[in-house]
Every structure is written in C-alpha cells, then in structure tokens.
C-alpha cells in the first residue's frame, strides 16, 4: 500500500464508513460514491477543476453542491465539502474506491473486474457472477466491466489477485507457447 493510500485515503474512507454505519446509510453512500466516480471518470474537466490548487475552495463547494443536488445524501455532501476544506478533494476518487472496497467487505461481496471484447449481455454477466460466487464462496459478486477489442473474444476475469484468462487472445498465446516449445 502506498504512503498516500495509507495516510490519506484509508482514514477518510474509514471515517465515511463509520458515519455511514452509524446512520444506517452504507448502501446510500455507496450509490452516491458510484455516481460520483462515474462523473469523475466521464469528465476530465471536473477532475481537473476539483484537483486544481488554483481554484477557490468556495467555487469547488459550489460545484459540489450543484452535483449533489437533491440526489445525494446531505451527509455525503457535507463530507465532500469537508474534503475541500482539508485540501483533500483531489483524492476523492481514491477515497471513494476505498469506501466501496470496505462496503464490499461489509456485505461479503467480491469485485470481479471483467474485460471482454464486446459488451456482455445480462445473461452473460449473471453466468460470470455465478462462476465467481462458486469460486470465492462470496455472498454477492459485484461486476465492473471493461471493453478491450484486442481480446478478440471471450473474457478475462480478475478477482483480487486471481486472474482467469478465458479470452481468445489468451488461448492463442498459450497455444503459441505450446507450438513453439
């Protein structure tokens, strides 16, 4: 774990989880964070704005208030404003991911990062979910999907440090190794 991860991300993620648990808002905060991470992922402009030391903290808070609107829980909004006050808003993405990891642990859920050549159908996602559940004996499986056309076909599933490469590219690579040796 990096120094930033240990000294900044973890304490804030743990504080947020503590706040969530004491107010029975663990899932709601999880939803809020997922939508924030989605926003950050899709808007480089927002990431740069929040991360910039040149932007006035009041302006950052105004943008956060607009983003939060009526959808986000007021306690989450206050937490984001606190991150601005502490000069930690640039770590929002890392703190959010740590919080979601703690939430998965709380719910005995594992995260399966699934990379496929084409988007998976709901039925295919369910099949992956069932396979990962059987493999890990987790109560639930959360799937994060990525598209990589270079895989040609099939999927690569990553659960923690375990990687299952059932992609056509992986099969061809293994076959190539066998043909060469």
Protein backbone atom coordinates (compact mmCIF):
# COMPACT_ATOMS: atom_id res chain seq x y z
CA UNK A 1 0.00 0.00 0.00
CA UNK A 2 1.41 3.38 -0.96
CA UNK A 3 2.00 6.15 1.55
CA UNK A 4 -0.85 8.28 0.12
CA UNK A 5 -3.13 5.27 0.31
CA UNK A 6 -2.34 4.60 3.95
CA UNK A 7 -2.14 8.15 5.24
CA UNK A 8 -4.90 9.86 3.25
CA UNK A 9 -7.30 7.50 1.55
CA UNK A 10 -7.83 4.93 4.29
CA UNK A 11 -8.58 7.30 7.20
CA UNK A 12 -11.13 9.28 5.14
CA UNK A 13 -12.74 6.14 3.70
CA UNK A 14 -12.94 4.62 7.19
CA UNK A 15 -14.39 7.84 8.64
CA UNK A 16 -17.02 7.87 5.89
CA UNK A 17 -17.86 4.20 6.54
CA UNK A 18 -18.15 4.91 10.26
CA UNK A 19 -20.52 7.81 9.54
CA UNK A 20 -22.49 5.62 7.13
CA UNK A 21 -22.86 2.74 9.59
CA UNK A 22 -23.92 4.96 12.49
CA UNK A 23 -26.66 6.47 10.29
CA UNK A 24 -27.61 3.23 8.52
CA UNK A 25 -26.55 4.76 5.19
CA UNK A 26 -23.84 2.34 3.98
CA UNK A 27 -25.71 1.46 0.77
CA UNK A 28 -26.91 5.02 0.08
CA UNK A 29 -23.35 6.33 0.43
CA UNK A 30 -22.23 3.51 -1.88
CA UNK A 31 -24.73 4.68 -4.52
CA UNK A 32 -23.61 8.31 -4.08
CA UNK A 33 -19.96 7.34 -4.47
CA UNK A 34 -20.64 5.18 -7.54
CA UNK A 35 -22.36 8.11 -9.25
CA UNK A 36 -19.52 10.48 -8.23
CA UNK A 37 -16.87 8.07 -9.57
CA UNK A 38 -18.87 7.76 -12.77
CA UNK A 39 -18.97 11.55 -13.09
CA UNK A 40 -15.23 11.85 -12.48
CA UNK A 41 -14.49 9.06 -14.95
CA UNK A 42 -16.54 10.74 -17.67
CA UNK A 43 -15.45 14.35 -17.06
CA UNK A 44 -11.79 15.19 -17.18
CA UNK A 45 -12.86 18.83 -16.81
CA UNK A 46 -14.45 18.09 -13.42
CA UNK A 47 -11.40 16.10 -12.27
CA UNK A 48 -9.05 18.94 -13.22
CA UNK A 49 -11.33 21.57 -11.64
CA UNK A 50 -11.60 19.77 -8.29
CA UNK A 51 -7.90 18.85 -8.27
CA UNK A 52 -6.59 22.29 -9.14
CA UNK A 53 -4.93 24.24 -6.32
CA UNK A 54 -5.67 27.44 -8.27
CA UNK A 55 -9.46 27.07 -7.97
CA UNK A 56 -11.02 28.84 -4.99
CA UNK A 57 -12.41 26.35 -2.39
CA UNK A 58 -15.75 28.21 -2.41
CA UNK A 59 -16.04 27.60 -6.17
CA UNK A 60 -15.30 23.90 -5.63
CA UNK A 61 -18.01 23.73 -2.95
CA UNK A 62 -20.48 25.48 -5.27
CA UNK A 63 -19.83 22.85 -7.96
CA UNK A 64 -20.15 20.04 -5.40
CA UNK A 65 -23.47 21.50 -4.20
CA UNK A 66 -24.70 21.56 -7.82
CA UNK A 67 -23.54 17.98 -8.44
CA UNK A 68 -25.10 16.79 -5.19
CA UNK A 69 -28.46 18.40 -5.93
CA UNK A 70 -31.31 16.56 -4.26
CA UNK A 71 -29.99 13.13 -5.27
CA UNK A 72 -27.07 12.94 -2.85
CA UNK A 73 -27.49 12.50 0.88
CA UNK A 74 -26.77 15.74 2.81
CA UNK A 75 -24.18 13.93 4.98
CA UNK A 76 -22.31 12.87 1.84
CA UNK A 77 -22.47 16.45 0.58
CA UNK A 78 -21.02 17.66 3.90
CA UNK A 79 -18.25 15.05 3.64
CA UNK A 80 -17.33 16.34 0.17
CA UNK A 81 -17.30 19.92 1.46
CA UNK A 82 -15.02 18.78 4.31
CA UNK A 83 -12.64 17.23 1.74
CA UNK A 84 -12.48 20.65 0.03
CA UNK A 85 -11.77 22.39 3.38
CA UNK A 86 -8.99 19.92 4.20
CA UNK A 87 -7.47 20.22 0.71
CA UNK A 88 -8.19 16.53 0.08
CA UNK A 89 -10.86 16.72 -2.65
CA UNK A 90 -8.27 15.69 -5.27
CA UNK A 91 -8.20 12.28 -3.52
CA UNK A 92 -11.96 11.82 -3.92
CA UNK A 93 -11.59 9.02 -6.46
CA UNK A 94 -9.18 7.03 -4.27
CA UNK A 95 -11.25 7.61 -1.12
CA UNK A 96 -14.40 6.55 -3.00
CA UNK A 97 -12.80 3.33 -4.24
CA UNK A 98 -11.54 2.51 -0.73
CA UNK A 99 -15.04 3.13 0.67
CA UNK A 100 -16.57 0.78 -1.93
CA UNK A 101 -13.95 -1.86 -1.04
CA UNK A 102 -14.94 -1.54 2.64
CA UNK A 103 -18.61 -1.74 1.68
CA UNK A 104 -17.98 -4.95 -0.30
CA UNK A 105 -16.16 -6.41 2.70
CA UNK A 106 -19.06 -5.45 4.97
CA UNK A 107 -21.52 -7.15 2.60
CA UNK A 108 -19.26 -10.17 1.93
CA UNK A 109 -19.16 -9.13 -1.71
CA UNK A 110 -16.25 -9.63 -4.07
CA UNK A 111 -15.42 -7.42 -7.02
CA UNK A 112 -14.93 -9.17 -10.35
CA UNK A 113 -13.23 -7.00 -12.97
CA UNK A 114 -14.40 -8.43 -16.27
CA UNK A 115 -12.75 -7.43 -19.53
CA UNK A 116 -14.39 -8.60 -22.75
CA UNK A 117 -14.03 -7.91 -26.47
CA UNK A 118 -17.70 -6.87 -26.71
CA UNK A 119 -20.24 -5.78 -24.06
CA UNK A 120 -21.65 -8.70 -22.05
CA UNK A 121 -25.37 -9.39 -22.05
CA UNK A 122 -27.24 -9.55 -18.72
CA UNK A 123 -27.31 -13.36 -19.01
CA UNK A 124 -23.54 -13.49 -19.58
CA UNK A 125 -22.94 -11.18 -16.60
CA UNK A 126 -25.12 -13.46 -14.47
CA UNK A 127 -23.09 -16.50 -15.59
CA UNK A 128 -19.85 -14.72 -14.65
CA UNK A 129 -21.40 -13.72 -11.31
CA UNK A 130 -22.38 -17.35 -10.55
CA UNK A 131 -18.94 -18.71 -11.54
CA UNK A 132 -17.14 -16.15 -9.38
CA UNK A 133 -19.53 -16.82 -6.49
CA UNK A 134 -18.82 -20.56 -6.69
CA UNK A 135 -15.10 -19.88 -6.94
CA UNK A 136 -14.90 -17.49 -3.97
CA UNK A 137 -17.90 -18.53 -1.82
CA UNK A 138 -18.78 -14.83 -1.51
CA UNK A 139 -22.34 -13.86 -0.67
CA UNK A 140 -22.55 -11.46 -3.60
CA UNK A 141 -20.48 -10.55 -6.64
CA UNK A 142 -20.16 -7.02 -7.99
CA UNK A 143 -19.08 -6.80 -11.62
CA UNK A 144 -17.03 -3.99 -13.13
CA UNK A 145 -16.82 -4.32 -16.92
CA UNK A 146 -14.28 -3.03 -19.41
CA UNK A 147 -14.14 -3.47 -23.18
CA UNK A 148 -10.90 -4.44 -24.95
CA UNK A 149 -11.32 -5.35 -28.61
CA UNK A 150 -7.79 -6.82 -28.63
CA UNK A 151 -9.11 -9.83 -26.71
CA UNK A 152 -10.83 -10.92 -29.97
CA UNK A 153 -13.39 -12.95 -28.00
CA UNK A 154 -14.06 -14.43 -24.56
CA UNK A 155 -13.35 -12.74 -21.23
CA UNK A 156 -10.65 -12.06 -18.69
CA UNK A 157 -11.93 -12.11 -15.09
CA UNK A 158 -9.87 -10.63 -12.26
CA UNK A 159 -10.92 -11.26 -8.66
CA UNK A 160 -8.39 -9.83 -6.23
CA UNK A 161 -5.02 -11.21 -7.34
CA UNK A 162 -6.57 -14.16 -9.18
CA UNK A 163 -6.90 -13.84 -12.97
CA UNK A 164 -8.89 -16.19 -15.20
CA UNK A 165 -7.98 -15.61 -18.83
CA UNK A 166 -10.67 -17.21 -20.99
CA UNK A 167 -10.04 -14.83 -23.87
CA UNK A 168 -9.30 -15.92 -27.39
CA UNK A 169 -6.09 -13.86 -27.28
CA UNK A 170 -5.02 -15.74 -24.13
CA UNK A 171 -5.86 -19.11 -25.69
CA UNK A 172 -3.90 -18.22 -28.84
CA UNK A 173 -0.97 -17.07 -26.72
CA UNK A 174 -0.97 -20.35 -24.74
CA UNK A 175 -1.28 -22.31 -27.98
CA UNK A 176 1.61 -20.32 -29.45
CA UNK A 177 3.76 -21.19 -26.46
CA UNK A 178 2.91 -24.90 -26.92
CA UNK A 179 3.64 -24.75 -30.67
CA UNK A 180 6.97 -23.04 -30.08
CA UNK A 181 8.22 -25.37 -27.39
